[in-house]
């Protein structure tokens, strides 16, 4: 007799997604303005008709995304109210997808950077350096160039000497460049652009100096900060 395979339950995940989007929407519209205290978990549970564990899951995601901050004994407060750029980029339903895209890229590109530091050839190193030089040039004149940004990440993937990293980056080109475009628009100040450039430089130097774990940490840190810039830019 073939045993029946149980289908994983997705109900709680769907509910927490809905609560996440609803609270996010209220923050965006100013119903929960920046600096204000959110209703208690009990009150939110009553408002949305879901259990408190689902509320806690949604609040944890909002906290991870930098939208709210929990203070022990005081509750949760709105920390950032994303600007119109986020609404122009995508619908509320797609905001968690930005998080998931960058989370996935962090895992894939972090390992690609580690391997690149171990395996890079002179030709691969030259390609990364050329991509960084182009990125540096457009950063100096504050000229948006998602192509330069993407080519840097693609060069790192190629330097890993594993065709699947390169193929994965090419598959992610559309969502990756969309997030890059949004990030660039949210970092208009010269100082902020230089911070982004320095993050790329840290990846490049670690690969050049054959420091694999530094390369991995630099790449993951860069992508985590990219998410923070998307969420907090107003």
Protein backbone atom coordinates (compact mmCIF):
# COMPACT_ATOMS: atom_id res chain seq x y z
CA UNK A 1 0.00 0.00 0.00
CA UNK A 2 1.40 3.39 -1.02
CA UNK A 3 1.31 5.81 1.91
CA UNK A 4 -0.60 9.02 1.41
CA UNK A 5 1.60 12.09 1.26
CA UNK A 6 0.29 14.89 3.41
CA UNK A 7 0.00 18.28 1.73
CA UNK A 8 1.73 20.99 3.76
CA UNK A 9 -0.66 23.50 5.21
CA UNK A 10 -0.21 27.00 3.83
CA UNK A 11 -3.12 28.60 5.66
CA UNK A 12 -1.11 30.36 8.40
CA UNK A 13 1.40 31.63 5.85
CA UNK A 14 -1.35 33.07 3.68
CA UNK A 15 -2.98 34.73 6.67
CA UNK A 16 0.27 36.26 7.90
CA UNK A 17 0.92 37.54 4.36
CA UNK A 18 -2.50 39.19 4.35
CA UNK A 19 -1.93 40.80 7.75
CA UNK A 20 1.55 41.93 6.68
CA UNK A 21 0.15 43.57 3.54
CA UNK A 22 -2.73 45.18 5.41
CA UNK A 23 -0.51 46.74 8.08
CA UNK A 24 2.01 47.76 5.40
CA UNK A 25 -0.79 49.42 3.44
CA UNK A 26 -1.96 51.33 6.53
CA UNK A 27 1.59 52.53 7.21
CA UNK A 28 1.98 53.66 3.60
CA UNK A 29 -1.31 55.58 3.69
CA UNK A 30 -0.47 57.23 7.01
CA UNK A 31 -3.16 55.49 9.01
CA UNK A 32 -0.29 54.26 11.17
CA UNK A 33 2.07 57.27 10.79
CA UNK A 34 5.77 57.25 11.44
CA UNK A 35 6.53 57.30 15.15
CA UNK A 36 3.07 56.11 16.15
CA UNK A 37 2.41 53.09 18.30
CA UNK A 38 0.64 50.16 16.69
CA UNK A 39 -2.41 48.67 18.40
CA UNK A 40 -1.66 45.83 20.80
CA UNK A 41 -1.37 42.30 19.46
CA UNK A 42 -4.70 41.50 21.07
CA UNK A 43 -6.35 44.47 19.35
CA UNK A 44 -4.75 43.61 15.99
CA UNK A 45 -5.94 40.04 16.42
CA UNK A 46 -9.49 41.33 16.86
CA UNK A 47 -9.18 43.79 13.96
CA UNK A 48 -8.03 41.17 11.45
CA UNK A 49 -9.89 38.18 12.89
CA UNK A 50 -6.79 36.00 13.23
CA UNK A 51 -4.87 34.42 16.08
CA UNK A 52 -2.12 36.21 17.96
CA UNK A 53 0.62 33.85 16.60
CA UNK A 54 -0.28 35.03 13.08
CA UNK A 55 -0.13 38.65 14.24
CA UNK A 56 3.28 38.01 15.80
CA UNK A 57 4.54 36.46 12.54
CA UNK A 58 3.39 39.49 10.53
CA UNK A 59 4.91 41.91 13.05
CA UNK A 60 8.20 40.01 13.00
CA UNK A 61 8.38 40.36 9.22
CA UNK A 62 7.54 44.06 9.43
CA UNK A 63 10.31 44.43 12.01
CA UNK A 64 12.79 42.49 9.86
CA UNK A 65 11.93 44.79 6.94
CA UNK A 66 12.68 47.83 9.09
CA UNK A 67 9.13 49.20 9.07
CA UNK A 68 8.44 48.83 12.77
CA UNK A 69 10.50 48.55 15.95
CA UNK A 70 9.44 46.70 19.07
CA UNK A 71 10.24 48.16 22.46
CA UNK A 72 10.13 45.74 25.35
CA UNK A 73 7.21 46.52 27.59
CA UNK A 74 5.99 49.35 25.34
CA UNK A 75 4.75 47.66 22.15
CA UNK A 76 5.56 48.18 18.47
CA UNK A 77 6.17 51.57 16.87
CA UNK A 78 6.28 52.61 13.21
CA UNK A 79 9.92 53.28 12.41
CA UNK A 80 9.77 54.02 8.68
CA UNK A 81 7.06 55.09 6.29
CA UNK A 82 8.22 54.19 2.75
CA UNK A 83 7.82 56.93 0.18
CA UNK A 84 5.91 57.15 -3.06
CA UNK A 85 8.78 55.48 -4.93
CA UNK A 86 7.81 52.15 -3.42
CA UNK A 87 4.21 52.53 -4.57
CA UNK A 88 5.40 53.54 -8.04
CA UNK A 89 7.62 50.46 -8.21
CA UNK A 90 5.05 47.80 -7.39
CA UNK A 91 1.79 46.94 -5.79
CA UNK A 92 1.58 46.24 -2.07
CA UNK A 93 1.33 42.52 -2.81
CA UNK A 94 4.76 42.51 -4.45
CA UNK A 95 6.65 44.19 -1.61
CA UNK A 96 7.31 40.85 0.14
CA UNK A 97 8.64 39.61 -3.21
CA UNK A 98 11.36 42.27 -3.08
CA UNK A 99 12.37 40.84 0.28
CA UNK A 100 12.30 37.27 -1.03
CA UNK A 101 14.29 38.20 -4.14
CA UNK A 102 17.05 39.86 -2.12
CA UNK A 103 16.98 37.05 0.44
CA UNK A 104 17.44 34.48 -2.33
CA UNK A 105 20.13 36.54 -4.03
CA UNK A 106 21.96 36.92 -0.72
CA UNK A 107 22.25 33.14 -0.38
CA UNK A 108 23.20 32.51 -4.03
CA UNK A 109 25.48 35.49 -4.57
CA UNK A 110 27.11 35.13 -1.17
CA UNK A 111 28.30 31.64 -2.11
CA UNK A 112 29.25 32.82 -5.60
CA UNK A 113 31.44 35.52 -4.06
CA UNK A 114 33.07 32.99 -1.75
CA UNK A 115 33.90 30.67 -4.65
CA UNK A 116 35.01 33.61 -6.80
CA UNK A 117 37.61 34.51 -4.17
CA UNK A 118 38.89 30.94 -4.27
CA UNK A 119 38.76 30.29 -8.01
CA UNK A 120 39.06 33.64 -9.81
CA UNK A 121 41.29 33.65 -12.86
CA UNK A 122 43.17 36.72 -14.14
CA UNK A 123 40.50 37.13 -16.83
CA UNK A 124 37.64 36.87 -14.32
CA UNK A 125 39.38 39.32 -12.01
CA UNK A 126 39.78 41.77 -14.90
CA UNK A 127 36.07 41.48 -15.70
CA UNK A 128 35.07 42.25 -12.10
CA UNK A 129 37.49 45.18 -11.99
CA UNK A 130 36.14 46.58 -15.27
CA UNK A 131 32.56 46.32 -13.97
CA UNK A 132 33.54 48.04 -10.73
CA UNK A 133 35.37 50.82 -12.62
CA UNK A 134 32.23 51.48 -14.69
CA UNK A 135 30.12 51.47 -11.53
CA UNK A 136 32.56 53.89 -9.91
CA UNK A 137 32.37 56.25 -12.90
CA UNK A 138 28.58 56.49 -12.92
CA UNK A 139 28.50 56.82 -9.15
CA UNK A 140 30.77 59.89 -9.30
CA UNK A 141 28.37 61.73 -11.61
CA UNK A 142 25.25 60.38 -9.84
CA UNK A 143 24.05 58.86 -13.11
CA UNK A 144 21.63 55.94 -12.65
CA UNK A 145 23.00 52.83 -14.38
CA UNK A 146 21.43 49.52 -13.39
CA UNK A 147 23.33 47.82 -16.20
CA UNK A 148 26.65 48.66 -14.56
CA UNK A 149 25.39 47.34 -11.23
CA UNK A 150 24.07 44.12 -12.76
CA UNK A 151 27.26 43.51 -14.76
CA UNK A 152 29.28 43.68 -11.54
CA UNK A 153 27.12 41.00 -9.91
CA UNK A 154 27.19 38.91 -13.08
CA UNK A 155 30.99 39.14 -13.23
CA UNK A 156 31.23 37.86 -9.66
CA UNK A 157 28.92 34.95 -10.53
CA UNK A 158 31.09 34.08 -13.55
CA UNK A 159 34.26 34.23 -11.46
CA UNK A 160 32.89 31.39 -9.32
CA UNK A 161 33.69 29.10 -12.28
CA UNK A 162 30.35 27.30 -12.01
CA UNK A 163 28.00 27.87 -14.94
CA UNK A 164 24.90 27.52 -12.75
CA UNK A 165 25.71 30.69 -10.78
CA UNK A 166 25.92 32.63 -14.04
CA UNK A 167 22.72 31.08 -15.37
CA UNK A 168 20.91 31.87 -12.12
CA UNK A 169 21.97 35.52 -12.30
CA UNK A 170 20.78 35.76 -15.91
CA UNK A 171 17.43 34.25 -14.89
CA UNK A 172 17.16 36.86 -12.12
CA UNK A 173 18.13 39.75 -14.37
CA UNK A 174 14.66 41.33 -14.62
CA UNK A 175 13.72 41.32 -10.90
CA UNK A 176 17.31 42.12 -9.89
CA UNK A 177 17.56 45.20 -12.14
CA UNK A 178 14.09 46.35 -11.04
CA UNK A 179 15.22 46.38 -7.41
CA UNK A 180 18.52 48.01 -8.42
CA UNK A 181 16.58 50.76 -10.20
CA UNK A 182 14.47 51.40 -7.14
CA UNK A 183 17.52 51.42 -4.87
CA UNK A 184 19.32 53.91 -7.10
CA UNK A 185 16.30 56.24 -7.05
CA UNK A 186 16.23 56.08 -3.26
CA UNK A 187 19.94 56.88 -2.88
CA UNK A 188 20.13 60.21 -4.60
CA UNK A 189 22.58 61.81 -2.18
CA UNK A 190 26.25 61.59 -3.09
CA UNK A 191 27.14 60.20 0.35
CA UNK A 192 24.57 57.40 0.00
CA UNK A 193 25.80 56.55 -3.51
CA UNK A 194 29.33 56.33 -2.16
CA UNK A 195 28.14 53.96 0.55
CA UNK A 196 26.65 51.69 -2.11
CA UNK A 197 29.87 51.91 -4.12
CA UNK A 198 31.97 51.06 -1.05
CA UNK A 199 29.86 47.94 -0.52
CA UNK A 200 30.68 46.78 -4.06
CA UNK A 201 34.32 47.69 -3.50
CA UNK A 202 34.45 45.51 -0.36
CA UNK A 203 33.27 42.54 -2.46
CA UNK A 204 35.79 43.30 -5.20
CA UNK A 205 38.74 43.68 -2.79
CA UNK A 206 37.91 40.46 -0.91
CA UNK A 207 37.78 38.53 -4.20
CA UNK A 208 40.98 40.20 -5.44
CA UNK A 209 42.80 39.38 -2.19
CA UNK A 210 41.43 35.80 -2.16
CA UNK A 211 39.53 36.17 1.12
CA UNK A 212 36.49 33.93 0.51
CA UNK A 213 34.66 34.41 3.81
CA UNK A 214 35.11 38.17 3.67
CA UNK A 215 33.77 38.11 0.11
CA UNK A 216 30.69 36.16 1.20
CA UNK A 217 30.01 38.49 4.13
CA UNK A 218 30.53 41.60 1.99
CA UNK A 219 28.10 40.41 -0.67
CA UNK A 220 25.43 39.36 1.82
CA UNK A 221 25.84 42.61 3.74
CA UNK A 222 25.44 44.62 0.54
CA UNK A 223 22.17 42.88 -0.37
CA UNK A 224 20.79 43.19 3.18
CA UNK A 225 21.47 46.93 3.10
CA UNK A 226 19.84 47.15 -0.34
CA UNK A 227 16.62 45.85 1.22
CA UNK A 228 16.92 48.35 4.06
CA UNK A 229 17.28 51.20 1.55
CA UNK A 230 14.20 50.07 -0.39
CA UNK A 231 12.04 49.83 2.72
CA UNK A 232 13.22 52.96 4.52
CA UNK A 233 13.58 55.34 1.59
CA UNK A 234 11.13 58.22 1.86
